[in-house]
Structures are given as structure tokens and as C-alpha cells.
Protein backbone atom coordinates (compact mmCIF):
# COMPACT_ATOMS: atom_id res chain seq x y z
CA MET A 1 -143.40 -3.75 149.10
CA PHE A 2 -142.46 -0.06 148.89
CA ARG A 3 -138.79 -0.94 149.00
CA ALA A 4 -139.23 -3.45 146.14
CA VAL A 5 -141.01 -0.85 143.98
CA ALA A 6 -138.40 1.77 144.75
CA ALA A 7 -135.60 -0.63 143.90
CA TRP A 8 -137.27 -1.50 140.61
CA GLU A 9 -137.70 2.15 139.68
CA ILE A 10 -134.10 2.85 140.52
CA PHE A 11 -133.04 -0.13 138.40
CA SER A 12 -135.25 0.94 135.49
CA TRP A 13 -133.88 4.48 135.66
CA PHE A 14 -130.33 3.11 135.67
CA VAL A 15 -131.03 0.95 132.62
CA ASP A 16 -132.61 3.86 130.77
CA GLU A 17 -129.64 6.09 131.57
CA CYS A 18 -127.22 3.42 130.41
CA TYR A 19 -129.23 2.92 127.23
CA ASP A 20 -129.36 6.67 126.53
CA CYS A 21 -125.65 6.96 127.24
CA ALA A 22 -124.90 4.02 124.96
CA ARG A 23 -127.05 5.48 122.18
CA SER A 24 -125.35 8.84 122.58
CA ARG A 25 -121.93 7.33 122.47
CA ALA A 26 -122.90 5.16 119.50
CA ARG A 27 -124.15 8.22 117.63
CA LEU A 28 -120.92 10.03 118.45
CA PHE A 29 -118.82 7.05 117.39
CA LYS A 30 -120.83 6.65 114.19
CA LYS A 31 -120.36 10.30 113.38
CA SER A 32 -116.64 10.15 114.10
CA LEU A 33 -116.30 6.96 112.05
CA LYS A 34 -118.16 8.54 109.15
CA VAL A 35 -115.88 11.58 109.24
CA PHE A 36 -112.82 9.31 109.33
CA VAL A 37 -114.05 7.15 106.44
CA ASN A 38 -114.87 10.21 104.34
CA LYS A 39 -111.43 11.65 104.94
CA PHE A 40 -109.82 8.30 104.16
CA VAL A 41 -111.79 7.95 100.91
CA LEU A 42 -110.86 11.51 99.87
CA GLU A 43 -107.21 10.74 100.55
CA LEU A 44 -107.40 7.56 98.49
CA LYS A 45 -109.04 9.43 95.64
CA SER A 46 -106.28 12.03 95.76
CA ILE A 47 -103.60 9.33 95.65
CA TYR A 48 -105.39 7.54 92.78
CA ILE A 49 -105.71 10.73 90.74
CA CYS A 50 -102.00 11.47 91.20
CA ILE A 51 -100.96 7.93 90.22
CA HIS A 52 -103.38 7.86 87.30
CA GLN A 53 -102.15 11.18 85.94
CA ASN A 54 -98.54 10.00 86.12
CA TYR A 55 -99.54 6.72 84.45
CA ILE A 56 -101.36 8.55 81.66
CA SER A 57 -98.35 10.83 81.16
CA VAL A 58 -95.95 7.88 80.91
CA MET A 59 -98.29 5.90 78.66
CA ASN A 60 -98.78 8.87 76.36
CA GLN A 61 -95.01 9.16 75.95
CA PHE A 62 -94.80 5.39 75.42
CA ASN A 63 -97.67 5.39 72.95
CA GLU A 64 -96.39 8.32 70.92
CA ARG A 65 -92.98 6.78 70.29
CA VAL A 66 -94.00 3.14 70.00
CA GLN A 67 -97.21 3.95 68.13
CA GLU A 68 -95.24 5.83 65.48
CA ILE A 69 -92.92 2.87 64.91
CA LEU A 70 -95.81 0.39 64.90
CA GLU A 71 -97.53 2.45 62.20
CA GLN A 72 -94.35 2.72 60.13
CA THR A 73 -93.73 -1.03 60.30
CA ASN A 74 -97.39 -2.07 59.74
CA LEU A 75 -97.32 -3.89 63.08
CA ASN A 76 -99.96 -1.84 64.88
CA TRP A 77 -102.16 -4.78 65.87
CA THR A 78 -102.37 -7.43 68.58
CA VAL A 79 -103.32 -11.08 68.88
CA LYS A 80 -105.27 -13.00 71.53
CA LYS A 81 -105.69 -16.62 72.62
CA GLU A 82 -109.17 -18.09 72.28
CA PRO A 83 -110.25 -21.58 73.43
CA ILE A 84 -111.17 -24.01 70.66
CA GLN A 85 -114.51 -25.82 70.56
CA THR A 86 -115.92 -28.67 68.52
CA VAL A 87 -118.87 -28.05 66.18
CA SER A 88 -121.22 -29.27 68.92
CA GLY A 89 -119.79 -26.72 71.37
CA ILE A 90 -117.51 -28.97 73.43
CA GLU A 91 -114.37 -27.11 74.50
CA ILE A 92 -111.08 -28.85 73.79
CA PRO A 93 -108.97 -28.68 76.98
CA GLY A 94 -105.65 -26.88 76.61
CA ALA A 95 -106.14 -26.06 72.91
CA PHE A 96 -106.18 -22.45 71.74
CA ALA A 97 -106.43 -20.52 68.49
CA ILE A 98 -104.35 -17.36 68.00
CA VAL A 99 -106.58 -14.63 66.58
CA ARG A 100 -105.41 -11.37 65.04
CA GLU A 101 -107.72 -8.88 66.69
CA ASP A 102 -108.00 -6.18 64.00
CA THR A 103 -108.88 -8.61 61.19
CA GLN A 104 -110.41 -11.37 63.35
CA GLU A 105 -108.35 -13.89 61.41
CA ALA A 106 -107.60 -17.11 63.27
CA PHE A 107 -104.15 -18.46 62.43
CA PRO A 108 -104.37 -22.12 61.38
CA LYS A 109 -102.06 -23.76 63.90
CA THR A 110 -103.46 -24.87 67.28
CA MET A 111 -101.42 -23.69 70.27
CA MET A 112 -101.24 -25.20 73.75
CA ASP A 113 -102.01 -23.43 77.01
CA ALA A 114 -98.31 -22.82 77.77
CA TYR A 115 -97.91 -20.70 74.62
CA GLN A 116 -97.72 -16.97 75.35
CA PRO A 117 -97.73 -14.48 72.44
CA PHE A 118 -95.06 -11.79 72.47
CA GLN A 119 -97.04 -8.85 71.13
CA ASN A 120 -95.76 -6.50 68.43
CA PHE A 121 -95.89 -3.48 70.74
CA GLU A 122 -93.84 -5.40 73.33
CA LEU A 123 -91.19 -6.20 70.71
CA ILE A 124 -91.05 -2.62 69.40
CA ASP A 125 -90.93 -1.17 72.92
CA LEU A 126 -88.12 -3.56 73.81
CA LEU A 127 -86.07 -2.79 70.70
CA ASP A 128 -86.66 0.94 71.05
CA LYS A 129 -85.19 0.78 74.56
CA VAL A 130 -82.09 -1.18 73.58
CA ALA A 131 -81.40 0.40 70.17
CA GLY A 132 -79.36 3.34 71.45
CA ASP A 133 -77.18 1.28 73.79
CA ALA A 134 -76.63 -1.32 71.07
CA GLY A 135 -75.57 1.32 68.55
CA VAL A 136 -78.41 0.57 66.14
CA THR A 137 -81.67 2.19 65.02
CA ILE A 138 -85.02 0.66 64.08
CA HIS A 139 -85.06 0.65 60.28
CA LYS A 140 -88.20 -1.13 59.13
CA GLY A 141 -90.48 -4.07 59.83
CA GLY A 142 -93.43 -6.00 58.51
CA PHE A 143 -95.22 -9.31 58.44
CA PHE A 144 -95.89 -12.35 56.28
CA LYS A 145 -98.83 -14.76 55.95
CA GLY A 146 -101.37 -12.32 57.30
CA GLY A 147 -99.34 -11.70 60.46
CA ARG A 148 -98.36 -15.21 61.42
CA ARG A 149 -94.73 -14.19 61.00
CA THR A 150 -93.31 -10.75 61.79
CA TYR A 151 -89.92 -9.08 61.57
CA VAL A 152 -88.13 -5.89 62.60
CA GLN A 153 -84.80 -4.76 61.15
CA LEU A 154 -82.27 -2.67 63.06
CA LYS A 155 -79.72 -0.68 61.04
CA SER A 156 -76.17 -1.52 62.05
CA ASP A 157 -72.82 -1.10 60.27
CA ASP A 158 -71.88 -1.01 56.59
CA LEU A 159 -69.01 -2.52 54.62
CA VAL A 160 -67.53 -0.52 51.73
CA LEU A 161 -65.96 -2.51 48.90
CA GLY A 162 -64.59 -0.19 46.21
CA ASN A 163 -67.56 1.67 44.74
CA ASP A 164 -70.05 -0.73 46.29
CA ARG A 165 -71.54 -0.88 49.76
CA VAL A 166 -72.93 -3.76 51.82
CA GLU A 167 -75.48 -2.48 54.31
CA GLY A 168 -75.70 -4.40 57.57
CA TYR A 169 -78.82 -5.06 59.60
CA LEU A 170 -79.71 -6.96 62.74
CA THR A 171 -82.99 -8.68 61.99
CA GLY A 172 -85.40 -9.76 64.70
CA ILE A 173 -88.03 -12.36 63.81
CA ASN A 174 -91.11 -13.49 65.72
CA SER A 175 -94.18 -15.62 65.01
CA PHE A 176 -97.69 -16.25 66.25
CA ASP A 177 -98.02 -19.71 64.72
CA GLY A 178 -95.19 -21.46 66.56
CA SER A 179 -92.93 -21.55 63.50
CA THR A 180 -90.14 -19.69 65.28
CA SER A 181 -89.22 -18.26 68.63
CA LEU A 182 -88.21 -14.63 69.05
CA ALA A 183 -84.70 -14.53 67.56
CA PHE A 184 -82.09 -12.15 66.17
CA GLY A 185 -79.53 -12.60 63.42
CA PRO A 186 -77.30 -10.61 61.04
CA SER A 187 -78.42 -9.82 57.50
CA ASN A 188 -77.17 -7.57 54.72
CA ILE A 189 -78.13 -5.98 51.43
CA THR A 190 -75.63 -5.22 48.66
CA ILE A 191 -76.65 -1.79 47.37
CA SER A 192 -75.47 -2.23 43.77
CA CYS A 193 -77.76 -5.23 43.19
CA GLN A 194 -80.14 -5.29 46.18
CA ASN A 195 -79.16 -8.90 46.85
CA THR A 196 -80.06 -10.11 50.34
CA PHE A 197 -78.16 -12.51 52.58
CA PHE A 198 -79.41 -13.73 55.96
CA ALA A 199 -77.01 -15.59 58.21
CA ALA A 200 -78.43 -18.39 60.33
CA PHE A 201 -80.39 -17.21 63.35
CA ARG A 202 -80.05 -20.54 65.15
CA ASP A 203 -76.24 -20.26 65.28
CA MET A 204 -76.45 -17.24 67.56
CA ASP A 205 -78.35 -18.95 70.37
CA THR A 206 -80.60 -15.92 70.78
CA LYS A 207 -84.00 -17.59 70.63
CA ILE A 208 -86.52 -16.91 73.38
CA ARG A 209 -89.40 -19.33 73.87
CA HIS A 210 -93.06 -18.27 73.91
CA THR A 211 -94.16 -19.45 77.36
CA LYS A 212 -96.11 -18.00 80.28
CA ASN A 213 -92.80 -17.47 82.08
CA MET A 214 -91.40 -15.57 79.10
CA SER A 215 -89.50 -12.56 80.41
CA VAL A 216 -87.40 -10.63 77.93
CA LYS A 217 -84.99 -8.42 79.83
CA ILE A 218 -83.20 -5.47 78.33
CA ASP A 219 -79.74 -6.56 79.46
CA ALA A 220 -80.30 -10.03 77.97
CA VAL A 221 -81.32 -8.58 74.60
CA LEU A 222 -78.34 -6.22 74.66
CA ARG A 223 -76.03 -9.21 75.16
CA GLN A 224 -77.74 -11.04 72.31
CA LEU A 225 -77.51 -8.08 69.96
CA GLY A 226 -73.85 -7.78 70.91
CA LEU A 227 -73.32 -11.39 69.81
CA VAL A 228 -75.15 -10.73 66.56
CA LYS A 229 -72.98 -7.67 65.88
CA GLU A 230 -69.89 -9.80 66.46
CA GLU A 231 -71.25 -12.30 63.93
CA GLU A 232 -71.90 -9.45 61.50
CA ALA A 233 -68.29 -8.27 61.87
CA ARG A 234 -67.07 -11.81 61.15
CA ILE A 235 -69.25 -11.98 58.02
CA PHE A 236 -67.97 -8.59 56.80
CA SER A 237 -64.41 -9.76 57.32
CA ASN A 238 -65.13 -12.91 55.31
CA ILE A 239 -66.76 -10.89 52.52
CA ARG A 240 -63.68 -8.68 52.26
CA GLN A 241 -61.46 -11.76 52.00
CA LEU A 242 -63.77 -13.33 49.40
CA SER A 243 -63.45 -10.16 47.30
CA GLU A 244 -59.68 -10.72 47.22
CA LEU A 245 -59.84 -14.44 46.32
CA SER A 246 -59.69 -15.33 42.62
CA ILE A 247 -61.81 -18.29 41.49
CA GLY A 248 -61.84 -20.67 38.53
CA LEU A 249 -64.36 -22.72 36.55
CA ASN A 250 -64.12 -25.61 39.02
CA ASN A 251 -65.28 -23.31 41.83
CA ILE A 252 -68.25 -22.17 39.74
CA ASP A 253 -69.08 -25.80 38.95
CA ASP A 254 -69.01 -26.72 42.66
CA VAL A 255 -71.32 -23.82 43.52
CA ILE A 256 -73.80 -24.75 40.79
CA LYS A 257 -73.99 -28.32 42.05
CA ALA A 258 -74.52 -27.15 45.63
CA LEU A 259 -77.14 -24.58 44.62
CA PHE A 260 -79.14 -26.95 42.42
CA GLU A 261 -78.50 -30.10 44.46
CA ILE A 262 -76.71 -32.00 41.70
CA ASP A 263 -74.45 -34.94 42.50
CA SER A 264 -70.76 -34.04 42.37
CA ALA A 265 -70.05 -36.76 39.76
CA THR A 266 -72.83 -35.59 37.40
CA THR A 267 -72.07 -33.61 34.25
CA TYR A 268 -75.20 -31.47 34.39
CA GLN A 269 -74.70 -29.93 30.94
CA THR A 270 -75.30 -33.25 29.16
CA ASP A 271 -76.73 -35.66 31.75
CA ASP A 272 -80.35 -36.64 31.00
CA SER A 273 -81.05 -37.08 34.73
CA VAL A 274 -80.96 -33.29 35.09
CA SER A 275 -84.42 -31.96 34.20
CA THR A 276 -85.03 -29.32 31.58
CA LYS A 277 -86.43 -27.02 34.26
CA LYS A 278 -83.22 -27.30 36.27
CA LYS A 279 -81.09 -26.71 33.19
CA ASN A 280 -83.09 -23.55 32.47
CA GLN A 281 -82.50 -22.43 36.06
CA ILE A 282 -78.76 -23.03 35.63
CA ASP A 283 -78.81 -20.92 32.46
CA GLN A 284 -80.49 -18.11 34.43
CA PHE A 285 -77.89 -18.46 37.16
CA HIS A 286 -75.10 -18.04 34.57
CA LEU A 287 -76.73 -14.77 33.45
CA ASP A 288 -76.95 -13.56 37.05
CA LEU A 289 -73.39 -14.66 37.74
CA ARG A 290 -71.99 -12.86 34.70
CA GLN A 291 -73.75 -9.66 35.69
CA GLU A 292 -72.28 -9.79 39.20
CA MET A 293 -68.77 -10.72 38.10
CA ASN A 294 -68.72 -7.92 35.54
CA GLN A 295 -69.16 -5.54 38.43
CA LYS A 296 -67.35 -7.23 41.31
CA GLY A 297 -64.66 -9.13 39.45
CA GLU A 298 -63.70 -12.78 38.90
CA ASN A 299 -63.50 -13.46 42.61
CA ALA A 300 -65.32 -15.46 45.27
CA TRP A 301 -67.40 -12.44 46.32
CA GLY A 302 -68.59 -12.03 42.74
CA LEU A 303 -69.43 -15.75 42.67
CA PHE A 304 -71.40 -15.57 45.91
CA SER A 305 -73.16 -12.42 44.70
CA GLY A 306 -74.25 -14.43 41.66
CA VAL A 307 -75.83 -16.89 44.08
CA THR A 308 -77.64 -14.23 46.10
CA ARG A 309 -78.79 -12.44 42.92
CA PHE A 310 -80.35 -15.70 41.75
CA THR A 311 -81.96 -16.53 45.11
CA THR A 312 -83.16 -12.94 45.58
CA HIS A 313 -84.42 -12.04 42.11
CA SER A 314 -84.66 -15.07 39.82
CA VAL A 315 -86.36 -17.84 41.78
CA SER A 316 -90.09 -18.41 41.39
CA SER A 317 -90.92 -18.28 45.12
CA LYS A 318 -93.77 -15.87 45.90
CA ASP A 319 -91.78 -14.22 48.67
CA THR A 320 -88.07 -14.88 48.74
CA LEU A 321 -87.62 -12.35 51.56
CA GLU A 322 -89.75 -14.48 53.88
CA ASN A 323 -88.01 -17.64 52.69
CA LYS A 324 -84.60 -16.18 53.47
CA MET A 325 -85.58 -14.46 56.68
CA PHE A 326 -87.22 -17.52 58.22
CA ASP A 327 -84.48 -19.98 57.34
CA GLY A 328 -86.16 -21.43 54.27
CA THR A 329 -84.62 -23.37 51.39
CA TYR A 330 -82.83 -20.43 49.77
CA ALA A 331 -81.53 -19.10 53.08
CA LYS A 332 -79.97 -22.47 53.83
CA LYS A 333 -78.42 -22.67 50.35
CA ASP A 334 -76.98 -19.15 50.69
CA GLN A 335 -75.51 -20.04 54.08
CA LEU A 336 -74.10 -23.37 52.87
CA ILE A 337 -72.41 -21.87 49.81
CA PHE A 338 -71.08 -18.89 51.77
CA GLU A 339 -69.39 -21.18 54.30
CA LYS A 340 -67.97 -23.38 51.51
CA LEU A 341 -66.44 -20.33 49.82
CA VAL A 342 -65.07 -19.01 53.14
CA GLU A 343 -63.30 -22.35 53.58
CA LEU A 344 -61.31 -21.53 50.43
CA VAL A 345 -59.85 -18.37 51.98
């Protein structure tokens, strides 16, 4: 009996010692772990502060430069995708509205889930990075239809013809209503008359689709702008040749029929099938043409300048700049007539 009690006491003492030892070690481990965690957290905070400060510094530099250009071009706003619901609150799967965030205006066209907006600040940042290497500078920008369509112009080379000058630009266009992809193309303004001419964007194969996988790389844009500058050089060469090509009444007649979509066999001066409105437009074109030829001469460049004066200043469209920039009716007519005249060279 005594031996059993003694053995039990020894066992109880052993258990108590083990328990006390375990508690002591646990307290020591807990303390060590707490010290380690605190040091680790402090280290993480230090790393975060360093990274954050560098990020803020970079973003401030980015914001200062890009913000200034966004303000100058009236493009300092963003858009967002919002899911579309029925009146009863049922969400339409895969259908989204594009909303301009500063005005809360929803653009009318419904976009699918794959559509990814390319924001104005992304476009400006991209062009600002490539401008120097491409030998151009950001000149101006703006938007049409409340922001559904936007553009940025880069100043490129000029062509001097006698006392006149044709200023060259590389124009980038973008949209938030699906009407166009991001694209670049050559354009120019004749200083003496402020006539505008936009060559076809589609011909340059520089369009970039708005998708979730959309990735616009600097080297790709540089290549595209290089192609556009080559196209601009070709256009300038053609303009110079047009300025040296004399034209006759038959050439003027052909241009009038192309511009006003009159059948080649029709005598528009006397034919009753030509409306009074169209005849009045032709009369206005003759006034524009005479003004251009008085300055530029009786040549194909003077003839084409008559066309661009009419399509820039005399048509009744509310915004001929948008029409020309986004490949509208007058842009296509300018391009068609320009190519027809170049064929004469």
C-alpha cells in the first residue's frame, strides 16, 4: 500500500513538473513568436512605406505631365462599364452601358462584356511616351457627341508650296460607343484657307480592337506612327505633283459629278433630274473653286483645294471636322477625288 501511494505521488510530481515545464516553454515560445511577428510586421511596414513613396513620386510625375495634356485637350474624364437592367430590375446578361463618369451620361449604344474601354489618360500617356521617338508632339485633342468619340492630333511635318504651307498632323481617333477602334491616320490643314483633308485611317491597318486582351505596346504604336508618317510623305509628294499639273474644264466637270454624285452622262446645268438644292450647292462650289484657283493657280491642287474648301466651310453639316475625322461622307468624297486627281499625274 505504501509503495502504491509513493509511486502515485512520484507520478503526480512528474506530471506537475512536466506541465510546469511545458507552460514555461510555451510562454517562452509565445514571447519569442510575438517578438518575431512584431519585427516582421515592422519590416513589412517599412517596405510598404518605401514602395508607396516611390509609387506616389512616379504617379505625381505621371499625373503632372498627363494631367496637363488632358486639361488642354478637354479629355480629363473617364468612362466605366455598368450592367444594364430591365425596368423591373432584371439584369441583362453580358450587356453593358458605357457611362461618362464626370457627367453621368450613358452613351446610347449597348456594349458586350468583351468590350474594354481605352481610357483618355491611357491614350495620352501612350502618345506622350512615343511622341519624342516618333518625331512628333501632341498638338491638340477633343471630343464629339458628348465624349462618345475622341481624338488627339500629333504635329508632324509641313509642306511648303510657294507662299502657302500645308501643315501635317498624325491624328489618333478613339470611341466609347463602338463606332471605331483606336486608329491613326495622316491629316493636314492648308494654312491659307484652313481647309482640312483626312486620309483614310483604314488603309493604314493601325486599328486596335477594344477587348479585355487589349494591350497597346509602345513599340507597336511607334511602328504604326512610322507607317502613318510614310503615308503622309506620299500625300505631300502627290500634292506637290498636283500643284504642277494643269487642268481643264473637263477635269472640273468630272470632279463636280464625283462630289455631288451626278451620273457621268448627265448635263447637270440643264437637266431637270438635278434638284435645285444641288444646283445651288454646285454654284457655291464654283465660288469656292474660283477663290482657291485665284490663289493656287489653274492646277489640280487648286481644284482639289476647291473641293476641301467646300467640304470644310460650305456644307451644312453641324460638324464637318467630326465627319471628316471619322470617315464620314465628306471624308470619303475628299479621299475619292484626291485619288482620282493623283491618277492624272
